[in-house]
Amino acid sequence: MTEPALQFAEGFRPDTIRSNRLRRFYTYWDARRGTRAMPARCDIDPTEVPWMLGYVSLHDVLPDGGFRFRVDASNTSAMFGIDMTGRRLDEYPIPDVRERIRSALETVVLTREPLRTDLDYATSFEKWRYERLILPLGTDGRVPDMLMSAIDVAPMHEN
């Protein structure tokens, strides 16, 4: 995997989202937050975003600073061969990937803004480049207590 291109030095910019699916998901999230920094989980209705089902993971922000996968996206779980639903991030079996996930989730909690990253993933059979979007959710509209992450994948071809 390559290092993610973290985009938070100057604040999140929606125009950097390349994936149509992720851009549409961001637009939904943005509309649901209204004038708040972020919407609450109860503002998000999965039936309004059927094109994202299978691509969205929900992460609880725990009081001890950790994270728990409330739901791990089924398509993501199938792609990576790991289903983290109901498990703490600390249980993720690949240490370097676990730390990259932790860093991205912590960045969203700290900045209270969405985060977009590009990542590469390879197996002995295929290579993918995927764009990831992480969006904060907060019961009070200001402090994240849950995060939504979603990916969009494109196969990479050797030249």
C-alpha atoms as a PDB file:
ATOM      1  CA  MET A   1       0.000   0.000   0.000  1.00  0.00           C
ATOM      2  CA  THR A   2       1.164   3.489  -0.677  1.00  0.00           C
ATOM      3  CA  GLU A   3       0.940   6.199   1.935  1.00  0.00           C
ATOM      4  CA  PRO A   4      -2.353   8.084   1.868  1.00  0.00           C
ATOM      5  CA  ALA A   5      -2.408  11.599   0.512  1.00  0.00           C
ATOM      6  CA  LEU A   6      -3.930  13.251   3.574  1.00  0.00           C
ATOM      7  CA  GLN A   7      -5.789  16.439   2.725  1.00  0.00           C
ATOM      8  CA  PHE A   8      -6.280  18.416   5.892  1.00  0.00           C
ATOM      9  CA  ALA A   9      -3.455  20.961   5.984  1.00  0.00           C
ATOM     10  CA  GLU A  10      -5.681  23.702   4.531  1.00  0.00           C
ATOM     11  CA  GLY A  11      -9.034  22.190   5.419  1.00  0.00           C
ATOM     12  CA  PHE A  12     -11.173  19.718   3.549  1.00  0.00           C
ATOM     13  CA  ARG A  13     -12.099  20.638  -0.009  1.00  0.00           C
ATOM     14  CA  PRO A  14     -15.040  18.765  -1.570  1.00  0.00           C
ATOM     15  CA  ASP A  15     -13.758  19.553  -5.073  1.00  0.00           C
ATOM     16  CA  THR A  16     -10.894  17.096  -4.491  1.00  0.00           C
ATOM     17  CA  ILE A  17     -13.298  14.118  -4.440  1.00  0.00           C
ATOM     18  CA  ARG A  18     -12.875  12.310  -7.762  1.00  0.00           C
ATOM     19  CA  SER A  19     -15.332   9.431  -7.336  1.00  0.00           C
ATOM     20  CA  ASN A  20     -18.877  10.258  -8.435  1.00  0.00           C
ATOM     21  CA  ARG A  21     -20.237   7.872  -5.778  1.00  0.00           C
ATOM     22  CA  LEU A  22     -18.216   9.504  -2.977  1.00  0.00           C
ATOM     23  CA  ARG A  23     -19.000  13.016  -4.206  1.00  0.00           C
ATOM     24  CA  ARG A  24     -22.699  12.171  -4.175  1.00  0.00           C
ATOM     25  CA  PHE A  25     -22.339  10.721  -0.651  1.00  0.00           C
ATOM     26  CA  TYR A  26     -20.528  13.868   0.539  1.00  0.00           C
ATOM     27  CA  THR A  27     -23.329  16.021  -0.946  1.00  0.00           C
ATOM     28  CA  TYR A  28     -25.900  13.963   0.981  1.00  0.00           C
ATOM     29  CA  TRP A  29     -23.884  14.304   4.242  1.00  0.00           C
ATOM     30  CA  ASP A  30     -23.459  18.050   3.650  1.00  0.00           C
ATOM     31  CA  ALA A  31     -27.191  18.555   3.111  1.00  0.00           C
ATOM     32  CA  ARG A  32     -28.033  16.554   6.245  1.00  0.00           C
ATOM     33  CA  ARG A  33     -25.783  18.686   8.466  1.00  0.00           C
ATOM     34  CA  GLY A  34     -27.463  21.956   7.571  1.00  0.00           C
ATOM     35  CA  THR A  35     -25.752  24.784   9.480  1.00  0.00           C
ATOM     36  CA  ARG A  36     -23.978  22.415  11.908  1.00  0.00           C
ATOM     37  CA  ALA A  37     -20.381  21.259  11.577  1.00  0.00           C
ATOM     38  CA  MET A  38     -21.680  17.708  11.107  1.00  0.00           C
ATOM     39  CA  PRO A  39     -24.953  15.786  11.159  1.00  0.00           C
ATOM     40  CA  ALA A  40     -25.867  13.308  13.876  1.00  0.00           C
ATOM     41  CA  ARG A  41     -26.169   9.595  13.116  1.00  0.00           C
ATOM     42  CA  CYS A  42     -29.969   9.903  13.405  1.00  0.00           C
ATOM     43  CA  ASP A  43     -29.895  12.400  10.500  1.00  0.00           C
ATOM     44  CA  ILE A  44     -28.540   9.730   8.147  1.00  0.00           C
ATOM     45  CA  ASP A  45     -31.133   7.426   6.600  1.00  0.00           C
ATOM     46  CA  PRO A  46     -29.616   4.429   4.765  1.00  0.00           C
ATOM     47  CA  THR A  47     -32.722   4.159   2.576  1.00  0.00           C
ATOM     48  CA  GLU A  48     -31.847   7.582   1.113  1.00  0.00           C
ATOM     49  CA  VAL A  49     -28.402   6.399  -0.024  1.00  0.00           C
ATOM     50  CA  PRO A  50     -29.010   2.928  -1.517  1.00  0.00           C
ATOM     51  CA  TRP A  51     -26.076   3.350  -3.938  1.00  0.00           C
ATOM     52  CA  MET A  52     -23.733   3.412  -0.889  1.00  0.00           C
ATOM     53  CA  LEU A  53     -25.022   0.300   0.862  1.00  0.00           C
ATOM     54  CA  GLY A  54     -22.200  -2.200   1.052  1.00  0.00           C
ATOM     55  CA  TYR A  55     -19.580   0.565   0.835  1.00  0.00           C
ATOM     56  CA  VAL A  56     -20.109   2.401   4.148  1.00  0.00           C
ATOM     57  CA  SER A  57     -18.507   1.477   7.459  1.00  0.00           C
ATOM     58  CA  LEU A  58     -19.570   3.072  10.749  1.00  0.00           C
ATOM     59  CA  HIS A  59     -16.954   3.622  13.450  1.00  0.00           C
ATOM     60  CA  ASP A  60     -17.862   4.446  17.043  1.00  0.00           C
ATOM     61  CA  VAL A  61     -15.516   6.964  18.682  1.00  0.00           C
ATOM     62  CA  LEU A  62     -14.906   5.435  22.115  1.00  0.00           C
ATOM     63  CA  PRO A  63     -14.404   7.382  25.365  1.00  0.00           C
ATOM     64  CA  ASP A  64     -10.882   5.917  25.733  1.00  0.00           C
ATOM     65  CA  GLY A  65      -9.865   7.401  22.361  1.00  0.00           C
ATOM     66  CA  GLY A  66     -10.206   4.114  20.500  1.00  0.00           C
ATOM     67  CA  PHE A  67     -12.567   3.096  17.723  1.00  0.00           C
ATOM     68  CA  ARG A  68     -15.021   0.241  17.198  1.00  0.00           C
ATOM     69  CA  PHE A  69     -16.399  -0.871  13.863  1.00  0.00           C
ATOM     70  CA  ARG A  70     -20.132  -0.711  14.447  1.00  0.00           C
ATOM     71  CA  VAL A  71     -20.582  -1.888  10.848  1.00  0.00           C
ATOM     72  CA  ASP A  72     -17.833  -2.880   8.419  1.00  0.00           C
ATOM     73  CA  ALA A  73     -18.959  -2.391   4.828  1.00  0.00           C
ATOM     74  CA  SER A  74     -19.752  -5.738   3.210  1.00  0.00           C
ATOM     75  CA  ASN A  75     -18.007  -4.870  -0.072  1.00  0.00           C
ATOM     76  CA  THR A  76     -14.932  -3.652   1.782  1.00  0.00           C
ATOM     77  CA  SER A  77     -14.895  -6.765   3.970  1.00  0.00           C
ATOM     78  CA  ALA A  78     -15.101  -8.971   0.883  1.00  0.00           C
ATOM     79  CA  MET A  79     -12.335  -7.040  -0.869  1.00  0.00           C
ATOM     80  CA  PHE A  80      -9.895  -7.264   2.031  1.00  0.00           C
ATOM     81  CA  GLY A  81     -11.065 -10.605   3.419  1.00  0.00           C
ATOM     82  CA  ILE A  82     -11.524  -9.129   6.922  1.00  0.00           C
ATOM     83  CA  ASP A  83     -14.854  -8.324   8.595  1.00  0.00           C
ATOM     84  CA  MET A  84     -14.385  -6.016  11.566  1.00  0.00           C
ATOM     85  CA  THR A  85     -18.086  -5.562  12.423  1.00  0.00           C
ATOM     86  CA  GLY A  86     -18.449  -5.250  16.210  1.00  0.00           C
ATOM     87  CA  ARG A  87     -14.692  -5.310  16.792  1.00  0.00           C
ATOM     88  CA  ARG A  88     -12.297  -2.670  18.050  1.00  0.00           C
ATOM     89  CA  LEU A  89      -9.775  -1.220  15.641  1.00  0.00           C
ATOM     90  CA  ASP A  90      -7.059  -2.575  17.974  1.00  0.00           C
ATOM     91  CA  GLU A  91      -8.109  -6.064  16.797  1.00  0.00           C
ATOM     92  CA  TYR A  92      -7.344  -5.341  13.128  1.00  0.00           C
ATOM     93  CA  PRO A  93      -4.925  -8.127  12.168  1.00  0.00           C
ATOM     94  CA  ILE A  94      -2.500  -6.179   9.933  1.00  0.00           C
ATOM     95  CA  PRO A  95      -0.489  -3.731  12.089  1.00  0.00           C
ATOM     96  CA  ASP A  96       0.571  -1.211   9.416  1.00  0.00           C
ATOM     97  CA  VAL A  97      -2.949  -1.049   7.936  1.00  0.00           C
ATOM     98  CA  ARG A  98      -4.420  -0.745  11.442  1.00  0.00           C
ATOM     99  CA  GLU A  99      -2.186   2.262  12.145  1.00  0.00           C
ATOM    100  CA  ARG A 100      -3.098   3.932   8.838  1.00  0.00           C
ATOM    101  CA  ILE A 101      -6.786   3.496   9.632  1.00  0.00           C
ATOM    102  CA  ARG A 102      -6.223   4.829  13.165  1.00  0.00           C
ATOM    103  CA  SER A 103      -4.337   7.862  11.868  1.00  0.00           C
ATOM    104  CA  ALA A 104      -7.110   8.731   9.400  1.00  0.00           C
ATOM    105  CA  LEU A 105      -9.910   8.286  11.959  1.00  0.00           C
ATOM    106  CA  GLU A 106      -8.012  10.319  14.565  1.00  0.00           C
ATOM    107  CA  THR A 107      -7.470  13.083  12.001  1.00  0.00           C
ATOM    108  CA  VAL A 108     -11.226  13.369  11.407  1.00  0.00           C
ATOM    109  CA  VAL A 109     -11.932  13.447  15.151  1.00  0.00           C
ATOM    110  CA  LEU A 110      -9.252  16.106  15.675  1.00  0.00           C
ATOM    111  CA  THR A 111     -10.141  18.353  12.724  1.00  0.00           C
ATOM    112  CA  ARG A 112     -13.902  17.671  12.886  1.00  0.00           C
ATOM    113  CA  GLU A 113     -13.852  17.739   9.085  1.00  0.00           C
ATOM    114  CA  PRO A 114     -14.183  15.120   6.356  1.00  0.00           C
ATOM    115  CA  LEU A 115     -11.001  13.482   5.074  1.00  0.00           C
ATOM    116  CA  ARG A 116     -10.271  12.151   1.590  1.00  0.00           C
ATOM    117  CA  THR A 117      -7.368   9.814   0.910  1.00  0.00           C
ATOM    118  CA  ASP A 118      -6.010   7.785  -2.005  1.00  0.00           C
ATOM    119  CA  LEU A 119      -4.663   4.313  -1.316  1.00  0.00           C
ATOM    120  CA  ASP A 120      -3.288   1.419  -3.352  1.00  0.00           C
ATOM    121  CA  TYR A 121      -3.919  -2.210  -2.482  1.00  0.00           C
ATOM    122  CA  ALA A 122      -2.466  -5.273  -4.138  1.00  0.00           C
ATOM    123  CA  THR A 123      -2.835  -9.023  -3.885  1.00  0.00           C
ATOM    124  CA  SER A 124      -0.975 -11.598  -5.938  1.00  0.00           C
ATOM    125  CA  PHE A 125      -3.932 -11.498  -8.371  1.00  0.00           C
ATOM    126  CA  GLU A 126      -5.068  -7.891  -8.603  1.00  0.00           C
ATOM    127  CA  LYS A 127      -4.170  -4.314  -7.819  1.00  0.00           C
ATOM    128  CA  TRP A 128      -6.638  -1.613  -6.831  1.00  0.00           C
ATOM    129  CA  ARG A 129      -6.438   2.080  -6.293  1.00  0.00           C
ATOM    130  CA  TYR A 130      -9.171   3.342  -4.078  1.00  0.00           C
ATOM    131  CA  GLU A 131     -10.380   6.656  -2.835  1.00  0.00           C
ATOM    132  CA  ARG A 132     -11.587   6.806   0.755  1.00  0.00           C
ATOM    133  CA  LEU A 133     -13.850   9.401   2.313  1.00  0.00           C
ATOM    134  CA  ILE A 134     -14.373   9.672   6.069  1.00  0.00           C
ATOM    135  CA  LEU A 135     -17.215  11.849   7.354  1.00  0.00           C
ATOM    136  CA  PRO A 136     -17.805  12.848  10.993  1.00  0.00           C
ATOM    137  CA  LEU A 137     -21.119  12.442  12.800  1.00  0.00           C
ATOM    138  CA  GLY A 138     -21.865  14.093  16.135  1.00  0.00           C
ATOM    139  CA  THR A 139     -24.925  13.930  18.346  1.00  0.00           C
ATOM    140  CA  ASP A 140     -24.405  17.583  19.292  1.00  0.00           C
ATOM    141  CA  GLY A 141     -23.500  18.627  15.726  1.00  0.00           C
ATOM    142  CA  ARG A 142     -20.027  19.731  16.852  1.00  0.00           C
ATOM    143  CA  VAL A 143     -17.986  16.847  18.316  1.00  0.00           C
ATOM    144  CA  PRO A 144     -17.631  13.551  16.420  1.00  0.00           C
ATOM    145  CA  ASP A 145     -18.928  10.518  18.296  1.00  0.00           C
ATOM    146  CA  MET A 146     -19.182   8.352  15.176  1.00  0.00           C
ATOM    147  CA  LEU A 147     -17.483   8.334  11.785  1.00  0.00           C
ATOM    148  CA  MET A 148     -18.662   7.043   8.409  1.00  0.00           C
ATOM    149  CA  SER A 149     -16.059   5.808   5.970  1.00  0.00           C
ATOM    150  CA  ALA A 150     -16.636   4.747   2.392  1.00  0.00           C
ATOM    151  CA  ILE A 151     -14.444   3.716  -0.503  1.00  0.00           C
ATOM    152  CA  ASP A 152     -14.654   3.576  -4.259  1.00  0.00           C
ATOM    153  CA  VAL A 153     -12.325   1.196  -6.058  1.00  0.00           C
ATOM    154  CA  ALA A 154     -10.806   1.225  -9.520  1.00  0.00           C
ATOM    155  CA  PRO A 155      -8.676  -1.645 -10.875  1.00  0.00           C
ATOM    156  CA  MET A 156      -5.107  -0.716 -11.775  1.00  0.00           C
ATOM    157  CA  HIS A 157      -3.652  -2.042 -15.012  1.00  0.00           C
ATOM    158  CA  GLU A 158       0.013  -2.609 -15.716  1.00  0.00           C
ATOM    159  CA  ASN A 159       1.357  -0.568 -18.632  1.00  0.00           C
END
